[in-house]
Amino acid sequence: MELLVQKIVVVGGNGFVGSAVCRLALSRGFQVTSISSSGRPYMTPKGHSPAWTSKVDWQKADALRPETYRHLLPGATAVVHTLGTLLEDARYKAALNKGDLGALVRVAVEGVTKSGNPLAERSTKGGYDELNRDSALRVCEAFLESAPSTSVPHPRAFVYVSAEDIFRPFIPARYIESKREAELGIERMMIGSTTFRGVFVRPSLIYHPHFRPLTSPVAALLDLSASLHSKVPPAVPTPSGLFRTLAWLTSRAAPGSLVAPSPLDSVANALTIPPIHVDHVAEAICIAADNAREDVSGVVDVQEMRRLIGWTQKGQPAGNPSLGSS
């Protein structure tokens, strides 16, 4: 029997999460193609090109225009969509890369203020709807229309990098709403399909101590909070429980809403869901993209990501010691 050569297309492969996916997919023996608006290889925040980038096929394409990348899809055993934005103002990415806390706060405050003003103009080009939702739906639609150029034994995976609802009220609600709308749209496209499977990876706060230094102290605090909450007996009141109670008392879900109505629910989630290292997210994505892992489908949350990569806490039975802890 001929060994299947796995080929994945990573949408946004030169970004923070996408680059980690490309690197770890190569280490698993995958052939990797990245598509992005620039087509440029990944570079570190200091402008360095790691050696592994020479092994990726970097392609320039527009996720919203399938004609620019449709020819790459028949040869793909999986597609990973990492394109997205946490804030509609793209300046936040530069602030994160430079570790400029002041600039990051200013951009975040401006974003929340604008989203709360009904008279403010909503950004469409490069905004939540376009990057978080529409781009994923267009790529998925094109992938579903493609016929594999070689025999593929199991359903081909479309892996969409979504998110946990943990950032409100500091990030506009439209961020998580657009992610959930993308999930729902992909799920609808997959109904009845036996040759494709959808995977929705929902990380919490993704951190990296060197490439995103501002995320490390926040991640440490959230990790401590999640750890403490996990040790509290169910009958004992907790801060997250208080936030959920207040949310229940003050808000009611609107018909058809895809997210919890109150930002207090989001705060409670942030206190109980541990952050996760970008390499752990990427490793879980690569496992989900593996054509042999047809058992991985639907929502993959942080707990499931940890299970997939063999992550264990100190004092528990060892899983994969090379991964360490998040």
Protein backbone atom coordinates (compact mmCIF):
# COMPACT_ATOMS: atom_id res chain seq x y z
CA MET A 1 0.00 0.00 0.00
CA GLU A 2 1.40 3.40 -1.02
CA LEU A 3 2.09 5.75 1.88
CA LEU A 4 -0.07 8.87 1.81
CA VAL A 5 1.93 12.09 1.55
CA GLN A 6 -0.01 14.60 3.60
CA LYS A 7 -0.20 18.10 2.20
CA ILE A 8 -1.78 20.95 4.10
CA VAL A 9 -2.64 24.46 3.03
CA VAL A 10 -2.36 27.00 5.84
CA VAL A 11 -4.33 30.20 5.36
CA GLY A 12 -2.33 32.95 7.04
CA GLY A 13 0.77 30.79 7.46
CA ASN A 14 3.07 33.75 8.04
CA GLY A 15 1.12 34.95 11.09
CA PHE A 16 1.52 34.21 14.80
CA VAL A 17 -0.49 30.98 14.94
CA GLY A 18 -0.10 30.09 11.28
CA SER A 19 3.69 30.12 11.40
CA ALA A 20 3.69 27.76 14.39
CA VAL A 21 1.37 25.43 12.47
CA CYS A 22 3.67 25.48 9.44
CA ARG A 23 6.76 24.73 11.53
CA LEU A 24 5.22 21.88 13.49
CA ALA A 25 3.52 20.40 10.42
CA LEU A 26 6.93 20.19 8.73
CA SER A 27 8.30 18.37 11.78
CA ARG A 28 5.51 15.79 11.30
CA GLY A 29 6.51 15.18 7.71
CA PHE A 30 3.70 17.18 6.10
CA GLN A 31 4.19 19.12 2.90
CA VAL A 32 3.14 22.68 3.70
CA THR A 33 1.81 25.51 1.56
CA SER A 34 0.98 28.89 3.05
CA ILE A 35 -1.29 31.43 1.44
CA SER A 36 -1.42 35.05 2.57
CA SER A 37 -2.10 38.48 1.12
CA SER A 38 1.62 39.24 0.85
CA GLY A 39 2.93 35.78 0.05
CA ARG A 40 6.05 36.60 2.04
CA PRO A 41 7.72 33.97 4.24
CA TYR A 42 7.35 34.23 8.00
CA MET A 43 9.84 36.45 9.82
CA THR A 44 10.37 36.85 13.56
CA PRO A 45 9.50 40.20 15.18
CA LYS A 46 13.23 41.03 14.89
CA GLY A 47 13.23 40.36 11.16
CA HIS A 48 14.88 36.94 11.10
CA SER A 49 13.89 34.09 8.76
CA PRO A 50 14.16 30.73 10.56
CA ALA A 51 15.68 27.84 8.60
CA TRP A 52 12.39 25.94 8.42
CA THR A 53 10.79 28.67 6.28
CA SER A 54 12.79 27.45 3.26
CA LYS A 55 10.74 24.23 3.29
CA VAL A 56 7.33 25.96 3.02
CA ASP A 57 5.72 26.86 -0.29
CA TRP A 58 4.79 30.51 0.29
CA GLN A 59 2.00 31.64 -2.03
CA LYS A 60 0.31 35.01 -2.48
CA ALA A 61 -3.47 34.74 -2.51
CA ASP A 62 -6.63 36.45 -1.29
CA ALA A 63 -8.76 34.24 0.95
CA LEU A 64 -11.88 36.07 -0.24
CA ARG A 65 -11.06 35.30 -3.88
CA PRO A 66 -10.98 31.51 -4.42
CA GLU A 67 -9.68 31.93 -7.96
CA THR A 68 -6.32 32.96 -6.46
CA TYR A 69 -5.79 29.67 -4.61
CA ARG A 70 -8.33 27.14 -5.91
CA HIS A 71 -5.58 25.33 -7.86
CA LEU A 72 -3.81 24.48 -4.57
CA LEU A 73 -6.76 22.67 -2.98
CA PRO A 74 -7.07 19.39 -4.94
CA GLY A 75 -3.64 18.32 -3.68
CA ALA A 76 -4.41 19.20 -0.05
CA THR A 77 -5.29 16.52 2.47
CA ALA A 78 -6.30 19.31 4.91
CA VAL A 79 -6.77 23.06 5.06
CA VAL A 80 -6.05 25.08 8.18
CA HIS A 81 -7.57 28.55 8.47
CA THR A 82 -5.63 30.73 10.93
CA LEU A 83 -6.52 34.11 9.47
CA GLY A 84 -8.31 36.44 11.87
CA THR A 85 -8.13 39.55 13.98
CA LEU A 86 -8.69 40.23 17.68
CA LEU A 87 -9.21 43.95 17.05
CA GLU A 88 -10.36 45.60 13.85
CA ASP A 89 -7.51 48.09 14.21
CA ALA A 90 -4.52 46.09 12.94
CA ARG A 91 -2.12 48.29 14.90
CA TYR A 92 -2.60 45.99 17.89
CA LYS A 93 -0.45 43.31 16.23
CA ALA A 94 2.53 45.64 15.94
CA ALA A 95 2.04 46.70 19.58
CA LEU A 96 2.02 43.04 20.69
CA ASN A 97 5.13 42.21 18.68
CA LYS A 98 7.00 45.22 20.08
CA GLY A 99 5.75 44.72 23.63
CA ASP A 100 4.32 48.25 23.62
CA LEU A 101 1.68 48.11 26.37
CA GLY A 102 0.67 51.76 26.03
CA ALA A 103 -0.05 51.46 22.32
CA LEU A 104 -1.96 48.21 22.86
CA VAL A 105 -4.18 49.79 25.52
CA ARG A 106 -4.91 52.79 23.32
CA VAL A 107 -5.91 50.63 20.38
CA ALA A 108 -8.11 48.41 22.60
CA VAL A 109 -9.87 51.39 24.23
CA GLU A 110 -10.51 53.00 20.85
CA GLY A 111 -11.91 49.71 19.52
CA VAL A 112 -14.31 49.17 22.43
CA THR A 113 -15.41 52.84 22.40
CA LYS A 114 -16.12 52.72 18.69
CA SER A 115 -18.02 49.43 18.89
CA GLY A 116 -20.23 50.84 21.64
CA ASN A 117 -21.14 53.90 19.60
CA PRO A 118 -24.06 53.17 17.25
CA LEU A 119 -23.18 56.27 15.18
CA ALA A 120 -19.59 55.16 14.58
CA GLU A 121 -18.79 53.68 11.21
CA ARG A 122 -18.11 49.94 11.30
CA SER A 123 -14.98 48.84 9.51
CA THR A 124 -15.64 46.32 6.75
CA LYS A 125 -12.31 46.06 4.97
CA GLY A 126 -10.09 43.94 7.17
CA GLY A 127 -12.70 43.87 9.95
CA TYR A 128 -14.23 41.08 12.02
CA ASP A 129 -16.80 39.97 9.46
CA GLU A 130 -14.33 39.87 6.60
CA LEU A 131 -11.33 38.29 8.34
CA ASN A 132 -12.93 36.12 11.03
CA ARG A 133 -16.00 34.92 9.15
CA ASP A 134 -16.17 35.58 5.42
CA SER A 135 -12.61 34.53 4.59
CA ALA A 136 -13.12 31.18 6.34
CA LEU A 137 -16.43 30.55 4.59
CA ARG A 138 -14.98 31.31 1.16
CA VAL A 139 -11.96 29.03 1.69
CA CYS A 140 -14.11 26.23 3.10
CA GLU A 141 -16.57 26.49 0.21
CA ALA A 142 -13.73 26.26 -2.32
CA PHE A 143 -12.18 23.32 -0.46
CA LEU A 144 -15.47 21.41 -0.46
CA GLU A 145 -15.76 21.95 -4.21
CA SER A 146 -12.28 20.52 -4.85
CA ALA A 147 -11.74 16.87 -5.73
CA PRO A 148 -8.59 15.25 -4.31
CA SER A 149 -5.90 14.71 -6.94
CA THR A 150 -4.83 11.48 -5.20
CA SER A 151 -6.70 8.81 -3.26
CA VAL A 152 -7.33 9.96 0.31
CA PRO A 153 -8.40 7.18 2.72
CA HIS A 154 -10.23 9.37 5.25
CA PRO A 155 -12.28 12.58 5.22
CA ARG A 156 -10.21 15.68 4.51
CA ALA A 157 -10.14 18.15 7.41
CA PHE A 158 -10.97 21.82 7.35
CA VAL A 159 -9.53 23.19 10.60
CA TYR A 160 -10.80 26.61 11.62
CA VAL A 161 -9.01 28.49 14.38
CA SER A 162 -11.85 29.95 16.41
CA ALA A 163 -11.66 31.16 20.03
CA GLU A 164 -13.06 30.82 23.51
CA ASP A 165 -15.27 33.67 24.69
CA ILE A 166 -12.86 35.17 27.23
CA PHE A 167 -12.03 38.68 26.01
CA ARG A 168 -15.21 40.67 26.60
CA PRO A 169 -15.72 43.45 27.65
CA PHE A 170 -12.13 44.44 26.82
CA ILE A 171 -12.62 43.29 23.22
CA PRO A 172 -15.81 44.07 21.25
CA ALA A 173 -18.45 41.33 21.27
CA ARG A 174 -18.37 41.27 17.48
CA TYR A 175 -15.03 39.43 17.68
CA ILE A 176 -16.51 36.28 19.21
CA GLU A 177 -19.81 36.64 17.34
CA SER A 178 -18.02 36.59 13.99
CA LYS A 179 -16.07 33.49 15.06
CA ARG A 180 -19.26 31.65 16.03
CA GLU A 181 -20.96 32.66 12.77
CA ALA A 182 -18.02 31.18 10.86
CA GLU A 183 -18.29 27.92 12.83
CA LEU A 184 -22.02 27.70 12.12
CA GLY A 185 -21.53 28.41 8.42
CA ILE A 186 -18.82 25.77 8.08
CA GLU A 187 -20.92 23.27 10.02
CA ARG A 188 -23.85 23.81 7.66
CA MET A 189 -21.62 23.26 4.63
CA MET A 190 -20.40 19.97 6.11
CA ILE A 191 -23.87 18.49 6.74
CA GLY A 192 -24.14 15.10 5.09
CA SER A 193 -20.54 15.07 3.86
CA THR A 194 -18.57 11.84 4.16
CA THR A 195 -15.43 13.14 2.47
CA PHE A 196 -14.81 16.22 4.64
CA ARG A 197 -14.82 16.98 8.35
CA GLY A 198 -14.88 20.30 10.14
CA VAL A 199 -12.75 21.03 13.21
CA PHE A 200 -13.22 24.17 15.30
CA VAL A 201 -10.18 24.83 17.48
CA ARG A 202 -11.08 27.16 20.35
CA PRO A 203 -7.98 28.40 22.17
CA SER A 204 -8.15 30.72 25.15
CA LEU A 205 -5.42 33.35 25.56
CA ILE A 206 -2.56 32.24 23.28
CA TYR A 207 0.82 33.27 24.61
CA HIS A 208 4.51 33.15 23.75
CA PRO A 209 7.13 34.59 26.14
CA HIS A 210 9.45 35.82 23.37
CA PHE A 211 7.29 36.69 20.37
CA ARG A 212 4.38 38.10 22.41
CA PRO A 213 6.01 39.21 25.69
CA LEU A 214 2.97 41.19 26.85
CA THR A 215 0.92 38.01 26.96
CA SER A 216 3.14 36.23 29.50
CA PRO A 217 2.19 38.08 32.72
CA VAL A 218 -1.50 37.95 31.81
CA ALA A 219 -1.17 34.25 31.01
CA ALA A 220 0.51 33.61 34.36
CA LEU A 221 -2.34 35.27 36.25
CA LEU A 222 -5.05 33.49 34.28
CA ASP A 223 -3.28 30.15 34.67
CA LEU A 224 -3.14 30.68 38.44
CA SER A 225 -6.82 31.60 38.52
CA ALA A 226 -7.82 28.51 36.50
CA SER A 227 -5.69 26.30 38.72
CA LEU A 228 -7.23 27.69 41.93
CA HIS A 229 -10.76 27.41 40.55
CA SER A 230 -10.18 23.78 39.60
CA LYS A 231 -9.28 22.93 43.20
CA VAL A 232 -12.33 24.56 44.82
CA PRO A 233 -15.12 22.14 45.86
CA PRO A 234 -18.34 22.63 43.83
CA ALA A 235 -20.30 23.91 46.83
CA VAL A 236 -17.81 26.69 47.64
CA PRO A 237 -18.49 30.13 46.05
CA THR A 238 -15.85 31.36 43.60
CA PRO A 239 -15.23 34.63 41.73
CA SER A 240 -16.24 32.98 38.45
CA GLY A 241 -19.43 31.69 40.05
CA LEU A 242 -20.27 35.21 41.24
CA PHE A 243 -19.79 36.61 37.74
CA ARG A 244 -22.01 33.92 36.25
CA THR A 245 -24.74 34.59 38.82
CA LEU A 246 -24.63 38.34 38.11
CA ALA A 247 -24.76 37.61 34.38
CA TRP A 248 -27.83 35.43 34.86
CA LEU A 249 -29.57 38.06 36.98
CA THR A 250 -28.86 41.00 34.67
CA SER A 251 -29.05 39.57 31.15
CA ARG A 252 -31.20 37.39 28.99
CA ALA A 253 -30.14 35.79 25.74
CA ALA A 254 -31.57 37.28 22.56
CA PRO A 255 -33.31 34.84 20.20
CA GLY A 256 -30.77 33.20 17.90
CA SER A 257 -27.78 34.54 19.79
CA LEU A 258 -24.59 32.48 19.32
CA VAL A 259 -22.83 33.83 22.42
CA ALA A 260 -23.70 34.43 26.06
CA PRO A 261 -25.58 37.73 26.42
CA SER A 262 -23.45 39.19 29.20
CA PRO A 263 -19.74 40.03 29.12
CA LEU A 264 -19.67 38.81 32.72
CA ASP A 265 -19.95 35.26 31.37
CA SER A 266 -16.85 35.98 29.31
CA VAL A 267 -15.00 37.20 32.40
CA ALA A 268 -16.00 34.01 34.23
CA ASN A 269 -14.63 31.96 31.34
CA ALA A 270 -11.34 33.84 31.48
CA LEU A 271 -10.99 33.00 35.16
CA THR A 272 -11.53 29.28 34.66
CA ILE A 273 -10.07 28.39 31.24
CA PRO A 274 -6.26 28.24 31.34
CA PRO A 275 -4.18 30.05 28.70
CA ILE A 276 -2.30 27.98 26.14
CA HIS A 277 1.11 28.27 24.47
CA VAL A 278 1.01 28.90 20.72
CA ASP A 279 3.07 25.75 20.07
CA HIS A 280 0.50 23.65 21.93
CA VAL A 281 -2.29 25.13 19.83
CA ALA A 282 -0.31 24.41 16.67
CA GLU A 283 0.46 20.85 17.75
CA ALA A 284 -3.22 20.16 18.38
CA ILE A 285 -4.08 21.66 14.99
CA CYS A 286 -1.57 19.41 13.24
CA ILE A 287 -3.04 16.36 14.97
CA ALA A 288 -6.54 17.43 13.92
CA ALA A 289 -5.33 17.97 10.34
CA ASP A 290 -3.80 14.49 10.13
CA ASN A 291 -5.85 12.50 7.64
CA ALA A 292 -5.69 9.42 9.88
CA ARG A 293 -7.36 11.29 12.78
CA GLU A 294 -10.93 11.17 11.53
CA ASP A 295 -11.94 10.87 15.19
CA VAL A 296 -11.16 14.57 15.66
CA SER A 297 -14.06 16.76 14.58
CA GLY A 298 -16.32 19.51 15.87
CA VAL A 299 -15.28 21.79 18.72
CA VAL A 300 -11.80 21.27 20.16
CA ASP A 301 -11.46 23.34 23.34
CA VAL A 302 -8.39 23.83 25.53
CA GLN A 303 -9.06 20.68 27.53
CA GLU A 304 -9.35 18.63 24.34
CA MET A 305 -6.21 20.25 22.89
CA ARG A 306 -4.31 19.22 25.99
CA ARG A 307 -5.61 15.69 25.67
CA LEU A 308 -4.62 15.47 22.01
CA ILE A 309 -1.04 16.60 22.60
CA GLY A 310 -0.57 14.49 25.76
CA TRP A 311 -0.23 17.48 28.08
CA THR A 312 -0.23 16.67 31.81
CA GLN A 313 -0.01 18.67 34.99
CA LYS A 314 2.72 18.14 37.54
CA GLY A 315 2.02 15.19 39.79
CA GLN A 316 -0.20 13.48 37.23
CA PRO A 317 0.80 10.52 35.05
CA ALA A 318 3.25 11.53 32.35
CA GLY A 319 1.96 12.03 28.82
CA ASN A 320 4.42 13.60 26.41
CA PRO A 321 7.18 15.10 28.58
CA SER A 322 8.75 16.92 25.66
CA LEU A 323 5.77 19.28 25.50
CA GLY A 324 6.08 20.48 29.05
CA SER A 325 3.22 22.51 30.47
CA SER A 326 1.44 25.54 29.21
